[in-house]
Amino acid sequence: MSVQPHITAAIGAPRAINVKFPAGNQVGECGKPIQQRKLLTEALESIFSIKSANTILQSPYRWRRFPIVEEPVFMGESNGPTHPEAMPIGPALDKLSEKITIYNQWLQEKIQGENKSQIPNESYISGLSMQLERSKELLELIDSEALDQYREILNAIATLELRGQGRFV
């Protein structure tokens, strides 16, 4: 299991699966056994689906956007590098995603309401629909690119800190 596929490819791993989770969390978030079991099962099953050497599969699961909602059963302390200045970014992205989702629902309700009116205003519906699509694109950008960039920044900082401490070659 890899969180940095460029390193995995450089060392010539015979087979791997890239998990879009931060370093140290390849098997899932702390205290979430359902998530961890799903990621480990996927990794073990990938052994049978990889047919050629030096293959790196991409896991469909994303950090902070795992499809199964699960309350942590245990929240331990990490012994790895921590980033107190960067950690609030994740919850802020989550909150922004929630607000955009609420806004999208509001736009959908407005469109439905206008469609049900006796004389629907087509230009108004068209304008609302355009904004709904733009808002959906923004949500996808936050839930993919922004979240991936955040994860990669945390991974890079962790790697730098470990190298600086002589714990990572």
N, C-alpha and C. Protein backbone atom coordinates (compact mmCIF):
# COMPACT_ATOMS: atom_id res chain seq x y z
N MET A 1 0.87 -1.17 0.00
CA MET A 1 0.00 0.00 0.00
C MET A 1 0.90 1.22 0.00
N SER A 2 0.55 2.18 -0.80
CA SER A 2 1.38 3.36 -0.96
C SER A 2 0.54 4.62 -0.87
N VAL A 3 1.12 5.67 -0.29
CA VAL A 3 0.46 6.97 -0.31
C VAL A 3 1.26 7.95 -1.19
N GLN A 4 2.43 7.49 -1.64
CA GLN A 4 3.25 8.31 -2.53
C GLN A 4 3.68 7.45 -3.71
N PRO A 5 2.84 7.37 -4.75
CA PRO A 5 3.10 6.44 -5.85
C PRO A 5 4.40 6.73 -6.61
N HIS A 6 4.85 7.98 -6.62
CA HIS A 6 6.10 8.28 -7.32
C HIS A 6 7.29 7.60 -6.63
N ILE A 7 7.26 7.50 -5.31
CA ILE A 7 8.32 6.79 -4.58
C ILE A 7 8.19 5.30 -4.82
N THR A 8 6.97 4.79 -4.78
CA THR A 8 6.71 3.36 -5.01
C THR A 8 7.19 2.96 -6.40
N ALA A 9 6.93 3.79 -7.42
CA ALA A 9 7.38 3.50 -8.78
C ALA A 9 8.91 3.56 -8.88
N ALA A 10 9.51 4.53 -8.19
CA ALA A 10 10.97 4.70 -8.25
C ALA A 10 11.72 3.51 -7.66
N ILE A 11 11.16 2.89 -6.62
CA ILE A 11 11.85 1.76 -6.01
C ILE A 11 11.53 0.45 -6.73
N GLY A 12 10.60 0.49 -7.67
CA GLY A 12 10.29 -0.69 -8.48
C GLY A 12 9.50 -1.75 -7.76
N ALA A 13 8.53 -1.34 -6.94
CA ALA A 13 7.68 -2.32 -6.26
C ALA A 13 6.99 -3.18 -7.30
N PRO A 14 6.94 -4.50 -7.11
CA PRO A 14 6.34 -5.38 -8.12
C PRO A 14 4.85 -5.13 -8.32
N ARG A 15 4.17 -4.77 -7.25
CA ARG A 15 2.74 -4.43 -7.35
C ARG A 15 2.41 -3.57 -6.14
N ALA A 16 1.46 -2.65 -6.34
CA ALA A 16 1.08 -1.76 -5.24
C ALA A 16 -0.30 -1.20 -5.50
N ILE A 17 -0.86 -0.67 -4.46
CA ILE A 17 -2.12 0.07 -4.58
C ILE A 17 -1.91 1.41 -3.91
N ASN A 18 -2.24 2.48 -4.64
CA ASN A 18 -2.10 3.83 -4.11
C ASN A 18 -3.38 4.20 -3.37
N VAL A 19 -3.23 4.56 -2.11
CA VAL A 19 -4.35 4.96 -1.28
C VAL A 19 -4.24 6.46 -1.03
N LYS A 20 -5.26 7.21 -1.39
CA LYS A 20 -5.21 8.67 -1.23
C LYS A 20 -5.53 9.07 0.21
N PHE A 21 -4.66 8.63 1.11
CA PHE A 21 -4.73 8.96 2.52
C PHE A 21 -3.36 9.52 2.90
N PRO A 22 -3.25 10.28 3.98
CA PRO A 22 -1.95 10.81 4.38
C PRO A 22 -0.99 9.70 4.81
N ALA A 23 0.29 10.00 4.75
CA ALA A 23 1.32 9.06 5.19
C ALA A 23 1.01 8.61 6.61
N GLY A 24 1.18 7.33 6.85
CA GLY A 24 0.89 6.77 8.17
C GLY A 24 -0.54 6.33 8.33
N ASN A 25 -1.37 6.61 7.34
CA ASN A 25 -2.80 6.26 7.39
C ASN A 25 -3.21 5.40 6.21
N GLN A 26 -2.27 4.62 5.65
CA GLN A 26 -2.57 3.83 4.46
C GLN A 26 -3.74 2.88 4.69
N VAL A 27 -3.87 2.37 5.91
CA VAL A 27 -4.94 1.41 6.17
C VAL A 27 -6.17 2.08 6.76
N GLY A 28 -6.24 3.39 6.73
CA GLY A 28 -7.43 4.09 7.19
C GLY A 28 -7.18 4.98 8.38
N GLU A 29 -8.22 5.72 8.72
CA GLU A 29 -8.14 6.67 9.82
C GLU A 29 -8.14 5.93 11.16
N CYS A 30 -7.49 6.53 12.12
CA CYS A 30 -7.37 5.96 13.46
C CYS A 30 -8.76 5.71 14.06
N GLY A 31 -8.94 4.51 14.60
CA GLY A 31 -10.17 4.19 15.31
C GLY A 31 -11.36 3.87 14.44
N LYS A 32 -11.16 3.67 13.14
CA LYS A 32 -12.28 3.38 12.24
C LYS A 32 -12.08 1.99 11.64
N PRO A 33 -12.48 0.94 12.37
CA PRO A 33 -12.22 -0.43 11.92
C PRO A 33 -12.95 -0.82 10.64
N ILE A 34 -14.13 -0.30 10.39
CA ILE A 34 -14.86 -0.64 9.16
C ILE A 34 -14.07 -0.13 7.96
N GLN A 35 -13.63 1.12 8.04
CA GLN A 35 -12.84 1.72 6.97
C GLN A 35 -11.52 0.95 6.79
N GLN A 36 -10.85 0.65 7.88
CA GLN A 36 -9.57 -0.05 7.82
C GLN A 36 -9.74 -1.44 7.18
N ARG A 37 -10.79 -2.15 7.58
CA ARG A 37 -11.05 -3.48 7.02
C ARG A 37 -11.29 -3.38 5.51
N LYS A 38 -12.05 -2.38 5.09
CA LYS A 38 -12.36 -2.21 3.66
C LYS A 38 -11.08 -1.93 2.87
N LEU A 39 -10.22 -1.05 3.38
CA LEU A 39 -8.98 -0.71 2.67
C LEU A 39 -8.03 -1.91 2.62
N LEU A 40 -7.91 -2.63 3.72
CA LEU A 40 -7.03 -3.81 3.73
C LEU A 40 -7.56 -4.90 2.80
N THR A 41 -8.87 -5.11 2.80
CA THR A 41 -9.46 -6.11 1.90
C THR A 41 -9.20 -5.72 0.45
N GLU A 42 -9.38 -4.45 0.13
CA GLU A 42 -9.13 -3.98 -1.22
C GLU A 42 -7.67 -4.22 -1.61
N ALA A 43 -6.75 -3.93 -0.70
CA ALA A 43 -5.33 -4.12 -0.99
C ALA A 43 -5.02 -5.60 -1.24
N LEU A 44 -5.54 -6.47 -0.39
CA LEU A 44 -5.29 -7.90 -0.55
C LEU A 44 -5.92 -8.44 -1.84
N GLU A 45 -7.11 -7.97 -2.17
CA GLU A 45 -7.76 -8.42 -3.40
C GLU A 45 -7.03 -7.92 -4.64
N SER A 46 -6.36 -6.77 -4.52
CA SER A 46 -5.64 -6.23 -5.68
C SER A 46 -4.48 -7.13 -6.09
N ILE A 47 -3.99 -7.95 -5.18
CA ILE A 47 -2.91 -8.89 -5.52
C ILE A 47 -3.33 -9.77 -6.68
N PHE A 48 -4.59 -10.17 -6.70
CA PHE A 48 -5.08 -11.06 -7.74
C PHE A 48 -5.43 -10.34 -9.04
N SER A 49 -5.71 -9.04 -8.95
CA SER A 49 -6.11 -8.32 -10.16
C SER A 49 -4.92 -7.71 -10.90
N ILE A 50 -3.77 -7.58 -10.24
CA ILE A 50 -2.59 -7.03 -10.91
C ILE A 50 -1.92 -8.16 -11.69
N LYS A 51 -1.83 -7.99 -12.99
CA LYS A 51 -1.31 -9.05 -13.86
C LYS A 51 0.11 -8.80 -14.35
N SER A 52 0.59 -7.54 -14.30
CA SER A 52 1.94 -7.26 -14.80
C SER A 52 2.77 -6.55 -13.74
N ALA A 53 4.08 -6.73 -13.86
CA ALA A 53 5.01 -6.16 -12.89
C ALA A 53 4.98 -4.64 -12.91
N ASN A 54 5.36 -4.05 -11.81
CA ASN A 54 5.45 -2.58 -11.64
C ASN A 54 4.12 -1.87 -11.85
N THR A 55 3.04 -2.53 -11.48
CA THR A 55 1.70 -1.94 -11.61
C THR A 55 1.31 -1.30 -10.29
N ILE A 56 0.78 -0.09 -10.38
CA ILE A 56 0.26 0.61 -9.21
C ILE A 56 -1.20 0.92 -9.48
N LEU A 57 -2.09 0.25 -8.76
CA LEU A 57 -3.52 0.52 -8.88
C LEU A 57 -3.88 1.75 -8.06
N GLN A 58 -4.99 2.39 -8.43
CA GLN A 58 -5.49 3.55 -7.69
C GLN A 58 -6.73 3.14 -6.91
N SER A 59 -6.68 3.30 -5.60
CA SER A 59 -7.85 3.03 -4.77
C SER A 59 -8.92 4.08 -5.05
N PRO A 60 -10.19 3.68 -5.10
CA PRO A 60 -11.24 4.67 -5.33
C PRO A 60 -11.58 5.47 -4.08
N TYR A 61 -11.07 5.06 -2.93
CA TYR A 61 -11.43 5.72 -1.69
C TYR A 61 -10.56 6.93 -1.42
N ARG A 62 -11.16 7.93 -0.79
CA ARG A 62 -10.46 9.19 -0.53
C ARG A 62 -10.51 9.52 0.95
N TRP A 63 -9.41 10.04 1.41
CA TRP A 63 -9.29 10.50 2.78
C TRP A 63 -10.31 11.62 3.01
N ARG A 64 -10.98 11.58 4.15
CA ARG A 64 -12.00 12.54 4.57
C ARG A 64 -13.28 12.45 3.75
N ARG A 65 -13.34 11.54 2.76
CA ARG A 65 -14.53 11.38 1.95
C ARG A 65 -14.87 9.90 1.78
N PHE A 66 -14.57 9.10 2.79
CA PHE A 66 -14.85 7.67 2.72
C PHE A 66 -16.36 7.50 2.70
N PRO A 67 -16.89 6.60 1.84
CA PRO A 67 -18.35 6.51 1.67
C PRO A 67 -19.11 5.96 2.88
N ILE A 68 -18.42 5.33 3.82
CA ILE A 68 -19.10 4.79 5.00
C ILE A 68 -18.83 5.74 6.17
N VAL A 69 -19.89 6.32 6.73
CA VAL A 69 -19.75 7.22 7.87
C VAL A 69 -19.60 6.36 9.12
N GLU A 70 -18.55 6.64 9.86
CA GLU A 70 -18.22 5.81 11.02
C GLU A 70 -17.60 6.69 12.09
N GLU A 71 -18.17 6.64 13.27
CA GLU A 71 -17.59 7.37 14.40
C GLU A 71 -16.38 6.60 14.91
N PRO A 72 -15.26 7.27 15.16
CA PRO A 72 -14.08 6.57 15.67
C PRO A 72 -14.38 5.88 16.99
N VAL A 73 -13.92 4.63 17.13
CA VAL A 73 -14.10 3.90 18.38
C VAL A 73 -12.93 4.13 19.31
N PHE A 74 -11.84 4.65 18.77
CA PHE A 74 -10.66 4.94 19.58
C PHE A 74 -9.88 6.05 18.89
N MET A 75 -9.51 7.05 19.62
CA MET A 75 -8.69 8.13 19.06
C MET A 75 -7.38 8.17 19.84
N GLY A 76 -6.37 7.52 19.31
CA GLY A 76 -5.07 7.50 19.96
C GLY A 76 -4.22 8.67 19.51
N GLU A 77 -3.08 8.78 20.12
CA GLU A 77 -2.14 9.82 19.77
C GLU A 77 -1.14 9.29 18.75
N SER A 78 -0.84 10.06 17.74
CA SER A 78 0.13 9.68 16.73
C SER A 78 1.54 9.95 17.24
N ASN A 79 2.45 9.05 16.93
CA ASN A 79 3.85 9.27 17.25
C ASN A 79 4.58 9.94 16.10
N GLY A 80 3.90 10.11 14.98
CA GLY A 80 4.52 10.70 13.80
C GLY A 80 4.48 12.22 13.86
N PRO A 81 5.01 12.84 12.80
CA PRO A 81 5.01 14.30 12.74
C PRO A 81 3.59 14.86 12.76
N THR A 82 3.39 15.92 13.50
CA THR A 82 2.09 16.58 13.52
C THR A 82 2.25 17.99 12.98
N HIS A 83 1.16 18.53 12.51
CA HIS A 83 1.19 19.85 11.87
C HIS A 83 0.04 20.69 12.41
N PRO A 84 0.17 21.20 13.64
CA PRO A 84 -0.96 21.92 14.24
C PRO A 84 -1.42 23.12 13.42
N GLU A 85 -0.50 23.73 12.68
CA GLU A 85 -0.88 24.90 11.87
C GLU A 85 -1.68 24.48 10.64
N ALA A 86 -1.40 23.28 10.11
CA ALA A 86 -2.06 22.81 8.89
C ALA A 86 -3.31 21.99 9.17
N MET A 87 -3.41 21.40 10.34
CA MET A 87 -4.52 20.48 10.63
C MET A 87 -5.91 21.13 10.50
N PRO A 88 -6.09 22.40 10.85
CA PRO A 88 -7.44 22.99 10.71
C PRO A 88 -7.92 23.11 9.26
N ILE A 89 -7.03 22.96 8.30
CA ILE A 89 -7.43 23.09 6.90
C ILE A 89 -8.42 21.98 6.52
N GLY A 90 -8.18 20.75 6.99
CA GLY A 90 -9.08 19.63 6.66
C GLY A 90 -10.50 19.88 7.10
N PRO A 91 -10.73 20.19 8.39
CA PRO A 91 -12.10 20.50 8.81
C PRO A 91 -12.70 21.71 8.08
N ALA A 92 -11.86 22.68 7.72
CA ALA A 92 -12.37 23.84 6.99
C ALA A 92 -12.85 23.42 5.60
N LEU A 93 -12.11 22.53 4.95
CA LEU A 93 -12.55 22.02 3.64
C LEU A 93 -13.84 21.21 3.78
N ASP A 94 -13.93 20.43 4.87
CA ASP A 94 -15.16 19.66 5.13
C ASP A 94 -16.34 20.61 5.30
N LYS A 95 -16.16 21.66 6.09
CA LYS A 95 -17.24 22.62 6.35
C LYS A 95 -17.65 23.33 5.05
N LEU A 96 -16.67 23.70 4.24
CA LEU A 96 -16.97 24.35 2.96
C LEU A 96 -17.76 23.40 2.06
N SER A 97 -17.38 22.13 2.03
CA SER A 97 -18.14 21.14 1.24
C SER A 97 -19.58 21.04 1.72
N GLU A 98 -19.76 21.03 3.04
CA GLU A 98 -21.11 20.97 3.61
C GLU A 98 -21.93 22.18 3.19
N LYS A 99 -21.33 23.37 3.25
CA LYS A 99 -22.05 24.60 2.90
C LYS A 99 -22.42 24.61 1.41
N ILE A 100 -21.52 24.14 0.56
CA ILE A 100 -21.82 24.08 -0.88
C ILE A 100 -22.93 23.07 -1.14
N THR A 101 -22.92 21.95 -0.44
CA THR A 101 -23.98 20.94 -0.60
C THR A 101 -25.34 21.53 -0.21
N ILE A 102 -25.38 22.27 0.88
CA ILE A 102 -26.63 22.92 1.31
C ILE A 102 -27.08 23.94 0.26
N TYR A 103 -26.13 24.70 -0.28
CA TYR A 103 -26.46 25.67 -1.31
C TYR A 103 -26.99 24.98 -2.56
N ASN A 104 -26.37 23.85 -2.93
CA ASN A 104 -26.85 23.09 -4.10
C ASN A 104 -28.28 22.61 -3.90
N GLN A 105 -28.59 22.15 -2.70
CA GLN A 105 -29.96 21.70 -2.40
C GLN A 105 -30.93 22.87 -2.52
N TRP A 106 -30.53 24.03 -2.03
CA TRP A 106 -31.37 25.23 -2.13
C TRP A 106 -31.62 25.57 -3.60
N LEU A 107 -30.56 25.54 -4.41
CA LEU A 107 -30.72 25.83 -5.84
C LEU A 107 -31.66 24.82 -6.51
N GLN A 108 -31.51 23.56 -6.17
CA GLN A 108 -32.39 22.53 -6.74
C GLN A 108 -33.85 22.78 -6.36
N GLU A 109 -34.09 23.15 -5.12
CA GLU A 109 -35.45 23.45 -4.67
C GLU A 109 -36.02 24.65 -5.42
N LYS A 110 -35.19 25.67 -5.64
CA LYS A 110 -35.65 26.86 -6.38
C LYS A 110 -36.02 26.47 -7.82
N ILE A 111 -35.19 25.64 -8.43
CA ILE A 111 -35.46 25.21 -9.81
C ILE A 111 -36.76 24.39 -9.86
N GLN A 112 -36.93 23.47 -8.92
CA GLN A 112 -38.14 22.66 -8.87
C GLN A 112 -39.37 23.53 -8.64
N GLY A 113 -39.25 24.48 -7.73
CA GLY A 113 -40.37 25.38 -7.45
C GLY A 113 -40.76 26.20 -8.67
N GLU A 114 -39.75 26.69 -9.38
CA GLU A 114 -40.04 27.49 -10.58
C GLU A 114 -40.64 26.62 -11.68
N ASN A 115 -40.18 25.38 -11.80
CA ASN A 115 -40.73 24.46 -12.80
C ASN A 115 -42.20 24.14 -12.51
N LYS A 116 -42.60 24.16 -11.25
CA LYS A 116 -43.97 23.84 -10.86
C LYS A 116 -44.91 25.04 -10.96
N SER A 117 -44.36 26.22 -11.13
CA SER A 117 -45.22 27.40 -11.20
C SER A 117 -46.05 27.38 -12.49
N GLN A 118 -47.14 28.15 -12.48
CA GLN A 118 -48.05 28.14 -13.62
C GLN A 118 -47.37 28.62 -14.90
N ILE A 119 -46.54 29.63 -14.77
CA ILE A 119 -45.81 30.15 -15.93
C ILE A 119 -44.32 30.16 -15.56
N PRO A 120 -43.62 29.05 -15.80
CA PRO A 120 -42.20 28.99 -15.44
C PRO A 120 -41.37 30.01 -16.21
N ASN A 121 -40.50 30.68 -15.52
CA ASN A 121 -39.59 31.65 -16.13
C ASN A 121 -38.35 30.88 -16.60
N GLU A 122 -38.31 30.60 -17.90
CA GLU A 122 -37.25 29.75 -18.46
C GLU A 122 -35.86 30.37 -18.29
N SER A 123 -35.73 31.68 -18.43
CA SER A 123 -34.40 32.30 -18.29
C SER A 123 -33.93 32.22 -16.83
N TYR A 124 -34.87 32.36 -15.89
CA TYR A 124 -34.54 32.24 -14.46
C TYR A 124 -34.10 30.80 -14.16
N ILE A 125 -34.84 29.83 -14.69
CA ILE A 125 -34.50 28.41 -14.49
C ILE A 125 -33.14 28.12 -15.11
N SER A 126 -32.90 28.66 -16.29
CA SER A 126 -31.63 28.45 -16.97
C SER A 126 -30.48 29.03 -16.15
N GLY A 127 -30.67 30.23 -15.63
CA GLY A 127 -29.64 30.87 -14.81
C GLY A 127 -29.36 30.10 -13.53
N LEU A 128 -30.43 29.65 -12.87
CA LEU A 128 -30.26 28.84 -11.65
C LEU A 128 -29.55 27.53 -11.96
N SER A 129 -29.93 26.91 -13.08
CA SER A 129 -29.32 25.64 -13.47
C SER A 129 -27.82 25.81 -13.76
N MET A 130 -27.48 26.93 -14.41
CA MET A 130 -26.08 27.21 -14.69
C MET A 130 -25.29 27.38 -13.38
N GLN A 131 -25.87 28.09 -12.44
CA GLN A 131 -25.18 28.28 -11.15
C GLN A 131 -25.09 26.97 -10.37
N LEU A 132 -26.10 26.13 -10.49
CA LEU A 132 -26.06 24.82 -9.84
C LEU A 132 -24.92 23.99 -10.41
N GLU A 133 -24.76 23.98 -11.72
CA GLU A 133 -23.66 23.23 -12.33
C GLU A 133 -22.31 23.77 -11.90
N ARG A 134 -22.17 25.09 -11.86
CA ARG A 134 -20.91 25.70 -11.41
C ARG A 134 -20.63 25.35 -9.96
N SER A 135 -21.66 25.35 -9.15
CA SER A 135 -21.51 25.01 -7.74
C SER A 135 -21.11 23.55 -7.57
N LYS A 136 -21.69 22.68 -8.39
CA LYS A 136 -21.31 21.26 -8.35
C LYS A 136 -19.85 21.07 -8.75
N GLU A 137 -19.41 21.83 -9.75
CA GLU A 137 -18.00 21.77 -10.17
C GLU A 137 -17.08 22.24 -9.04
N LEU A 138 -17.49 23.28 -8.34
CA LEU A 138 -16.70 23.78 -7.21
C LEU A 138 -16.60 22.72 -6.12
N LEU A 139 -17.72 22.08 -5.83
CA LEU A 139 -17.72 21.02 -4.82
C LEU A 139 -16.79 19.88 -5.24
N GLU A 140 -16.84 19.49 -6.49
CA GLU A 140 -15.96 18.42 -6.99
C GLU A 140 -14.49 18.84 -6.88
N LEU A 141 -14.22 20.09 -7.18
CA LEU A 141 -12.85 20.61 -7.08
C LEU A 141 -12.34 20.54 -5.64
N ILE A 142 -13.17 20.91 -4.70
CA ILE A 142 -12.78 20.87 -3.29
C ILE A 142 -12.63 19.43 -2.82
N ASP A 143 -13.57 18.57 -3.22
CA ASP A 143 -13.54 17.17 -2.78
C ASP A 143 -12.51 16.33 -3.51
N SER A 144 -11.87 16.87 -4.52
CA SER A 144 -10.84 16.10 -5.22
C SER A 144 -9.51 16.85 -5.19
N GLU A 145 -9.37 17.85 -6.04
CA GLU A 145 -8.09 18.54 -6.18
C GLU A 145 -7.61 19.21 -4.88
N ALA A 146 -8.48 19.97 -4.23
CA ALA A 146 -8.06 20.67 -3.01
C ALA A 146 -7.71 19.68 -1.91
N LEU A 147 -8.51 18.65 -1.75
CA LEU A 147 -8.24 17.65 -0.72
C LEU A 147 -6.95 16.88 -1.03
N ASP A 148 -6.72 16.57 -2.30
CA ASP A 148 -5.49 15.89 -2.69
C ASP A 148 -4.27 16.78 -2.45
N GLN A 149 -4.38 18.06 -2.79
CA GLN A 149 -3.27 18.98 -2.56
C GLN A 149 -2.95 19.07 -1.07
N TYR A 150 -3.98 19.16 -0.27
CA TYR A 150 -3.80 19.23 1.19
C TYR A 150 -3.10 17.98 1.70
N ARG A 151 -3.56 16.82 1.25
CA ARG A 151 -2.96 15.55 1.66
C ARG A 151 -1.50 15.49 1.23
N GLU A 152 -1.21 15.90 0.00
CA GLU A 152 0.16 15.86 -0.50
C GLU A 152 1.06 16.83 0.27
N ILE A 153 0.55 17.98 0.66
CA ILE A 153 1.33 18.92 1.47
C ILE A 153 1.67 18.28 2.81
N LEU A 154 0.68 17.66 3.46
CA LEU A 154 0.94 17.00 4.74
C LEU A 154 1.95 15.87 4.58
N ASN A 155 1.85 15.10 3.49
CA ASN A 155 2.81 14.01 3.25
C ASN A 155 4.22 14.57 3.05
N ALA A 156 4.33 15.64 2.27
CA ALA A 156 5.65 16.23 2.01
C ALA A 156 6.27 16.77 3.30
N ILE A 157 5.47 17.44 4.10
CA ILE A 157 5.98 17.97 5.36
C ILE A 157 6.43 16.83 6.28
N ALA A 158 5.62 15.78 6.36
CA ALA A 158 5.98 14.62 7.20
C ALA A 158 7.28 14.01 6.72
N THR A 159 7.44 13.86 5.40
CA THR A 159 8.67 13.29 4.86
C THR A 159 9.86 14.17 5.19
N LEU A 160 9.72 15.48 5.01
CA LEU A 160 10.81 16.41 5.34
C LEU A 160 11.19 16.34 6.81
N GLU A 161 10.19 16.29 7.67
CA GLU A 161 10.47 16.22 9.11
C GLU A 161 11.17 14.91 9.48
N LEU A 162 10.72 13.81 8.90
CA LEU A 162 11.36 12.53 9.18
C LEU A 162 12.79 12.49 8.66
N ARG A 163 13.01 13.06 7.47
CA ARG A 163 14.38 13.14 6.93
C ARG A 163 15.25 14.00 7.84
N GLY A 164 14.70 15.11 8.29
CA GLY A 164 15.45 16.01 9.17
C GLY A 164 15.84 15.35 10.49
N GLN A 165 15.01 14.42 10.93
CA GLN A 165 15.28 13.69 12.18
C GLN A 165 16.11 12.44 11.93
N GLY A 166 16.45 12.16 10.67
CA GLY A 166 17.23 10.97 10.34
C GLY A 166 16.43 9.69 10.39
N ARG A 167 15.10 9.78 10.38
CA ARG A 167 14.24 8.59 10.50
C ARG A 167 13.69 8.13 9.17
N PHE A 168 14.06 8.80 8.06
CA PHE A 168 13.53 8.45 6.75
C PHE A 168 14.66 8.61 5.74
N VAL A 169 14.89 7.57 4.98
CA VAL A 169 16.01 7.61 4.01
C VAL A 169 15.46 7.88 2.63
